[in-house]
Amino acid sequence: MGRPPQVDIRRNDQVRVIAGKDVKEVGRVLRVIRNKHRVVVEGVNMVKRHTRPNPSRNLKGGIVEREGPIHVSNVMIVCGACGQPTRIGHQILADGKKIRICRKCDASLDR
């Protein structure tokens, strides 16, 4: 089927929501769904799920609130150095390693 589409946002990145009902919220990326261009952000796009009790898995039934996925175009990564939401650039280091950089202050976004 080919390789999955390129999504430059990774797990544990700090992102800011720039569109939708949770605009201006900042949170950590919990999960990246590459083939659907979506990310799950902590505390953003909370949805209610009705779950039935499952004694073998020790689950209580009821209405559970959890994060739903949002499209990757609706979030911007927050730079750790300048603290602003920014676009992502790429830079190839002398040793051949490719890193993500902040477009505003040229700081590395990779730890």
N, C-alpha and C. Protein backbone atom coordinates (compact mmCIF):
# COMPACT_ATOMS: atom_id res chain seq x y z
N MET A 1 0.81 -1.20 0.00
CA MET A 1 0.00 0.00 0.00
C MET A 1 0.86 1.26 0.00
N GLY A 2 2.14 1.12 0.27
CA GLY A 2 3.00 2.29 0.29
C GLY A 2 3.29 2.72 1.71
N ARG A 3 4.13 3.72 1.84
CA ARG A 3 4.49 4.17 3.18
C ARG A 3 3.43 5.11 3.74
N PRO A 4 3.33 5.20 5.07
CA PRO A 4 2.33 6.08 5.67
C PRO A 4 2.67 7.55 5.40
N PRO A 5 1.68 8.44 5.39
CA PRO A 5 1.93 9.84 5.10
C PRO A 5 2.81 10.48 6.17
N GLN A 6 3.54 11.51 5.78
CA GLN A 6 4.47 12.16 6.70
C GLN A 6 3.72 13.05 7.68
N VAL A 7 3.89 12.77 8.96
CA VAL A 7 3.34 13.59 10.03
C VAL A 7 4.53 13.97 10.89
N ASP A 8 4.83 15.27 10.99
CA ASP A 8 6.03 15.72 11.70
C ASP A 8 5.84 15.84 13.19
N ILE A 9 4.64 15.59 13.68
CA ILE A 9 4.39 15.67 15.12
C ILE A 9 4.55 14.29 15.71
N ARG A 10 5.23 14.21 16.84
CA ARG A 10 5.51 12.93 17.48
C ARG A 10 4.89 12.86 18.87
N ARG A 11 4.90 11.66 19.43
CA ARG A 11 4.37 11.45 20.77
C ARG A 11 5.17 12.27 21.78
N ASN A 12 4.50 12.78 22.80
CA ASN A 12 5.07 13.60 23.88
C ASN A 12 5.47 15.01 23.45
N ASP A 13 5.16 15.45 22.23
CA ASP A 13 5.38 16.83 21.82
C ASP A 13 4.33 17.72 22.48
N GLN A 14 4.74 18.95 22.85
CA GLN A 14 3.77 19.94 23.32
C GLN A 14 3.17 20.59 22.08
N VAL A 15 1.83 20.62 21.98
CA VAL A 15 1.19 21.24 20.83
C VAL A 15 0.11 22.21 21.30
N ARG A 16 -0.22 23.15 20.43
CA ARG A 16 -1.29 24.11 20.69
C ARG A 16 -2.35 23.94 19.60
N VAL A 17 -3.61 23.90 20.01
CA VAL A 17 -4.71 23.73 19.05
C VAL A 17 -4.98 25.09 18.42
N ILE A 18 -5.04 25.14 17.07
CA ILE A 18 -5.21 26.41 16.36
C ILE A 18 -6.57 26.50 15.67
N ALA A 19 -7.37 25.44 15.74
CA ALA A 19 -8.70 25.49 15.11
C ALA A 19 -9.61 24.51 15.83
N GLY A 20 -10.91 24.78 15.77
CA GLY A 20 -11.88 23.88 16.37
C GLY A 20 -12.39 24.40 17.71
N LYS A 21 -13.13 23.54 18.41
CA LYS A 21 -13.77 23.98 19.66
C LYS A 21 -12.78 24.18 20.80
N ASP A 22 -11.62 23.55 20.74
CA ASP A 22 -10.63 23.67 21.80
C ASP A 22 -9.48 24.59 21.41
N VAL A 23 -9.78 25.63 20.63
CA VAL A 23 -8.74 26.53 20.13
C VAL A 23 -8.00 27.17 21.31
N LYS A 24 -6.69 27.35 21.16
CA LYS A 24 -5.76 27.92 22.15
C LYS A 24 -5.43 26.99 23.31
N GLU A 25 -5.93 25.76 23.31
CA GLU A 25 -5.57 24.79 24.36
C GLU A 25 -4.17 24.27 24.05
N VAL A 26 -3.40 24.01 25.10
CA VAL A 26 -2.06 23.44 24.94
C VAL A 26 -2.05 22.10 25.65
N GLY A 27 -1.47 21.10 25.00
CA GLY A 27 -1.41 19.78 25.61
C GLY A 27 -0.32 18.93 25.01
N ARG A 28 -0.14 17.77 25.60
CA ARG A 28 0.90 16.83 25.17
C ARG A 28 0.27 15.80 24.24
N VAL A 29 0.97 15.42 23.19
CA VAL A 29 0.46 14.42 22.25
C VAL A 29 0.57 13.05 22.89
N LEU A 30 -0.56 12.36 22.99
CA LEU A 30 -0.60 11.03 23.58
C LEU A 30 -0.41 9.94 22.53
N ARG A 31 -0.92 10.21 21.31
CA ARG A 31 -0.91 9.17 20.28
C ARG A 31 -0.92 9.84 18.91
N VAL A 32 -0.24 9.27 17.94
CA VAL A 32 -0.24 9.76 16.56
C VAL A 32 -0.82 8.66 15.68
N ILE A 33 -1.87 9.00 14.92
CA ILE A 33 -2.49 8.05 13.99
C ILE A 33 -2.09 8.50 12.59
N ARG A 34 -0.97 7.96 12.10
CA ARG A 34 -0.37 8.44 10.86
C ARG A 34 -1.25 8.27 9.63
N ASN A 35 -1.86 7.08 9.47
CA ASN A 35 -2.60 6.84 8.23
C ASN A 35 -3.88 7.65 8.14
N LYS A 36 -4.32 8.25 9.25
CA LYS A 36 -5.51 9.11 9.22
C LYS A 36 -5.17 10.58 9.45
N HIS A 37 -3.89 10.94 9.52
CA HIS A 37 -3.44 12.32 9.75
C HIS A 37 -4.02 12.90 11.03
N ARG A 38 -4.08 12.14 12.10
CA ARG A 38 -4.70 12.61 13.33
C ARG A 38 -3.79 12.40 14.54
N VAL A 39 -4.02 13.22 15.56
CA VAL A 39 -3.29 13.09 16.82
C VAL A 39 -4.29 13.15 17.97
N VAL A 40 -3.94 12.49 19.07
CA VAL A 40 -4.73 12.56 20.29
C VAL A 40 -3.94 13.40 21.28
N VAL A 41 -4.54 14.51 21.72
CA VAL A 41 -3.86 15.46 22.59
C VAL A 41 -4.51 15.41 23.98
N GLU A 42 -3.68 15.45 25.00
CA GLU A 42 -4.13 15.35 26.39
C GLU A 42 -5.07 16.51 26.74
N GLY A 43 -6.28 16.17 27.18
CA GLY A 43 -7.25 17.17 27.64
C GLY A 43 -7.96 17.94 26.54
N VAL A 44 -7.82 17.52 25.29
CA VAL A 44 -8.42 18.23 24.15
C VAL A 44 -9.39 17.30 23.44
N ASN A 45 -10.51 17.86 22.95
CA ASN A 45 -11.54 17.12 22.21
C ASN A 45 -12.08 15.96 23.05
N MET A 46 -12.54 16.29 24.26
CA MET A 46 -13.06 15.27 25.16
C MET A 46 -14.41 14.76 24.64
N VAL A 47 -14.52 13.44 24.53
CA VAL A 47 -15.74 12.81 24.04
C VAL A 47 -16.24 11.83 25.11
N LYS A 48 -17.54 11.60 25.10
CA LYS A 48 -18.12 10.66 26.05
C LYS A 48 -18.31 9.32 25.38
N ARG A 49 -17.88 8.26 26.06
CA ARG A 49 -18.03 6.90 25.56
C ARG A 49 -18.86 6.11 26.55
N HIS A 50 -19.86 5.41 26.05
CA HIS A 50 -20.67 4.55 26.91
C HIS A 50 -20.04 3.17 26.93
N THR A 51 -19.62 2.72 28.10
CA THR A 51 -18.95 1.43 28.20
C THR A 51 -19.79 0.48 29.05
N ARG A 52 -19.78 -0.79 28.68
CA ARG A 52 -20.49 -1.77 29.50
C ARG A 52 -19.51 -2.43 30.44
N PRO A 53 -20.00 -2.84 31.61
CA PRO A 53 -19.11 -3.44 32.59
C PRO A 53 -18.49 -4.74 32.10
N ASN A 54 -17.22 -4.94 32.44
CA ASN A 54 -16.51 -6.16 32.06
C ASN A 54 -15.73 -6.64 33.29
N PRO A 55 -16.31 -7.59 34.03
CA PRO A 55 -15.66 -8.04 35.27
C PRO A 55 -14.29 -8.68 35.04
N SER A 56 -14.09 -9.35 33.90
CA SER A 56 -12.81 -10.01 33.67
C SER A 56 -11.68 -8.99 33.47
N ARG A 57 -12.00 -7.80 32.90
CA ARG A 57 -11.00 -6.75 32.70
C ARG A 57 -11.04 -5.72 33.82
N ASN A 58 -11.92 -5.97 34.82
CA ASN A 58 -12.07 -5.08 35.96
C ASN A 58 -12.51 -3.68 35.53
N LEU A 59 -13.43 -3.60 34.55
CA LEU A 59 -13.95 -2.32 34.06
C LEU A 59 -15.34 -2.08 34.63
N LYS A 60 -15.56 -0.86 35.12
CA LYS A 60 -16.89 -0.49 35.55
C LYS A 60 -17.64 0.10 34.36
N GLY A 61 -18.92 -0.15 34.30
CA GLY A 61 -19.72 0.40 33.22
C GLY A 61 -20.08 1.85 33.49
N GLY A 62 -20.61 2.51 32.47
CA GLY A 62 -21.04 3.90 32.63
C GLY A 62 -20.52 4.77 31.51
N ILE A 63 -20.60 6.07 31.74
CA ILE A 63 -20.16 7.03 30.74
C ILE A 63 -18.74 7.48 31.10
N VAL A 64 -17.82 7.26 30.18
CA VAL A 64 -16.41 7.59 30.39
C VAL A 64 -16.04 8.72 29.45
N GLU A 65 -15.33 9.72 29.98
CA GLU A 65 -14.86 10.81 29.13
C GLU A 65 -13.40 10.58 28.81
N ARG A 66 -13.07 10.66 27.52
CA ARG A 66 -11.67 10.50 27.11
C ARG A 66 -11.39 11.38 25.89
N GLU A 67 -10.12 11.47 25.54
CA GLU A 67 -9.71 12.33 24.43
C GLU A 67 -10.03 11.67 23.09
N GLY A 68 -10.52 12.47 22.16
CA GLY A 68 -10.74 12.00 20.80
C GLY A 68 -9.66 12.55 19.89
N PRO A 69 -9.45 11.93 18.73
CA PRO A 69 -8.41 12.42 17.82
C PRO A 69 -8.83 13.70 17.11
N ILE A 70 -7.84 14.56 16.83
CA ILE A 70 -8.09 15.75 16.01
C ILE A 70 -7.09 15.76 14.86
N HIS A 71 -7.45 16.45 13.79
CA HIS A 71 -6.61 16.46 12.59
C HIS A 71 -5.30 17.18 12.87
N VAL A 72 -4.25 16.68 12.27
CA VAL A 72 -2.90 17.20 12.53
C VAL A 72 -2.76 18.64 12.02
N SER A 73 -3.59 19.06 11.06
CA SER A 73 -3.51 20.43 10.56
C SER A 73 -4.08 21.43 11.55
N ASN A 74 -4.79 20.94 12.58
CA ASN A 74 -5.39 21.84 13.56
C ASN A 74 -4.51 22.04 14.80
N VAL A 75 -3.28 21.53 14.77
CA VAL A 75 -2.36 21.73 15.89
C VAL A 75 -1.03 22.26 15.38
N MET A 76 -0.35 23.02 16.23
CA MET A 76 0.99 23.51 15.95
C MET A 76 1.89 23.13 17.11
N ILE A 77 3.09 22.72 16.80
CA ILE A 77 4.03 22.33 17.84
C ILE A 77 4.51 23.58 18.58
N VAL A 78 4.71 23.46 19.90
CA VAL A 78 5.20 24.57 20.71
C VAL A 78 6.69 24.35 20.93
N CYS A 79 7.48 25.36 20.56
CA CYS A 79 8.94 25.28 20.70
C CYS A 79 9.32 25.33 22.17
N GLY A 80 10.24 24.47 22.58
CA GLY A 80 10.69 24.44 23.96
C GLY A 80 11.57 25.64 24.31
N ALA A 81 12.27 26.19 23.31
CA ALA A 81 13.19 27.29 23.56
C ALA A 81 12.47 28.64 23.62
N CYS A 82 11.67 28.96 22.59
CA CYS A 82 11.01 30.27 22.57
C CYS A 82 9.59 30.22 23.12
N GLY A 83 9.03 29.03 23.31
CA GLY A 83 7.71 28.89 23.92
C GLY A 83 6.55 29.30 23.06
N GLN A 84 6.76 29.45 21.75
CA GLN A 84 5.69 29.87 20.84
C GLN A 84 5.31 28.74 19.91
N PRO A 85 4.03 28.72 19.47
CA PRO A 85 3.66 27.74 18.45
C PRO A 85 4.38 28.08 17.14
N THR A 86 4.89 27.06 16.48
CA THR A 86 5.72 27.31 15.32
C THR A 86 5.53 26.23 14.26
N ARG A 87 5.95 26.55 13.05
CA ARG A 87 6.01 25.54 12.00
C ARG A 87 7.28 24.74 12.19
N ILE A 88 7.34 23.59 11.55
CA ILE A 88 8.47 22.69 11.73
C ILE A 88 9.36 22.73 10.50
N GLY A 89 10.66 22.98 10.72
CA GLY A 89 11.63 22.89 9.65
C GLY A 89 12.51 21.67 9.88
N HIS A 90 13.32 21.34 8.89
CA HIS A 90 14.23 20.20 9.01
C HIS A 90 15.65 20.65 8.73
N GLN A 91 16.59 19.98 9.40
CA GLN A 91 18.00 20.29 9.21
C GLN A 91 18.77 18.99 9.27
N ILE A 92 19.73 18.84 8.39
CA ILE A 92 20.58 17.65 8.40
C ILE A 92 21.90 18.02 9.05
N LEU A 93 22.24 17.32 10.12
CA LEU A 93 23.45 17.61 10.87
C LEU A 93 24.68 17.06 10.15
N ALA A 94 25.86 17.40 10.65
CA ALA A 94 27.12 16.98 10.04
C ALA A 94 27.25 15.46 10.03
N ASP A 95 26.69 14.79 11.05
CA ASP A 95 26.79 13.33 11.09
C ASP A 95 25.72 12.63 10.26
N GLY A 96 24.91 13.42 9.52
CA GLY A 96 23.90 12.84 8.63
C GLY A 96 22.55 12.65 9.27
N LYS A 97 22.41 13.02 10.54
CA LYS A 97 21.13 12.85 11.24
C LYS A 97 20.19 14.01 10.90
N LYS A 98 18.91 13.69 10.65
CA LYS A 98 17.92 14.70 10.31
C LYS A 98 17.13 15.07 11.56
N ILE A 99 17.08 16.36 11.88
CA ILE A 99 16.35 16.81 13.07
C ILE A 99 15.28 17.82 12.68
N ARG A 100 14.31 18.00 13.58
CA ARG A 100 13.28 19.01 13.39
C ARG A 100 13.73 20.29 14.09
N ILE A 101 13.50 21.44 13.44
CA ILE A 101 13.88 22.71 14.06
C ILE A 101 12.69 23.67 14.07
N CYS A 102 12.76 24.62 15.01
CA CYS A 102 11.75 25.68 15.11
C CYS A 102 11.99 26.69 14.00
N ARG A 103 10.93 27.09 13.31
CA ARG A 103 11.06 28.07 12.22
C ARG A 103 11.25 29.49 12.74
N LYS A 104 10.97 29.71 14.04
CA LYS A 104 11.07 31.08 14.56
C LYS A 104 12.43 31.35 15.17
N CYS A 105 12.99 30.36 15.91
CA CYS A 105 14.27 30.63 16.59
C CYS A 105 15.38 29.65 16.21
N ASP A 106 15.10 28.74 15.28
CA ASP A 106 16.07 27.75 14.79
C ASP A 106 16.59 26.80 15.86
N ALA A 107 15.87 26.67 16.96
CA ALA A 107 16.26 25.71 18.01
C ALA A 107 15.78 24.32 17.63
N SER A 108 16.45 23.30 18.13
CA SER A 108 16.05 21.94 17.83
C SER A 108 14.78 21.58 18.60
N LEU A 109 13.85 20.88 17.93
CA LEU A 109 12.62 20.42 18.57
C LEU A 109 12.77 19.01 19.08
N ASP A 110 13.85 18.34 18.71
CA ASP A 110 14.10 16.96 19.17
C ASP A 110 14.96 17.01 20.43
N ARG A 111 14.64 16.13 21.35
CA ARG A 111 15.39 16.10 22.60
C ARG A 111 16.73 15.43 22.40
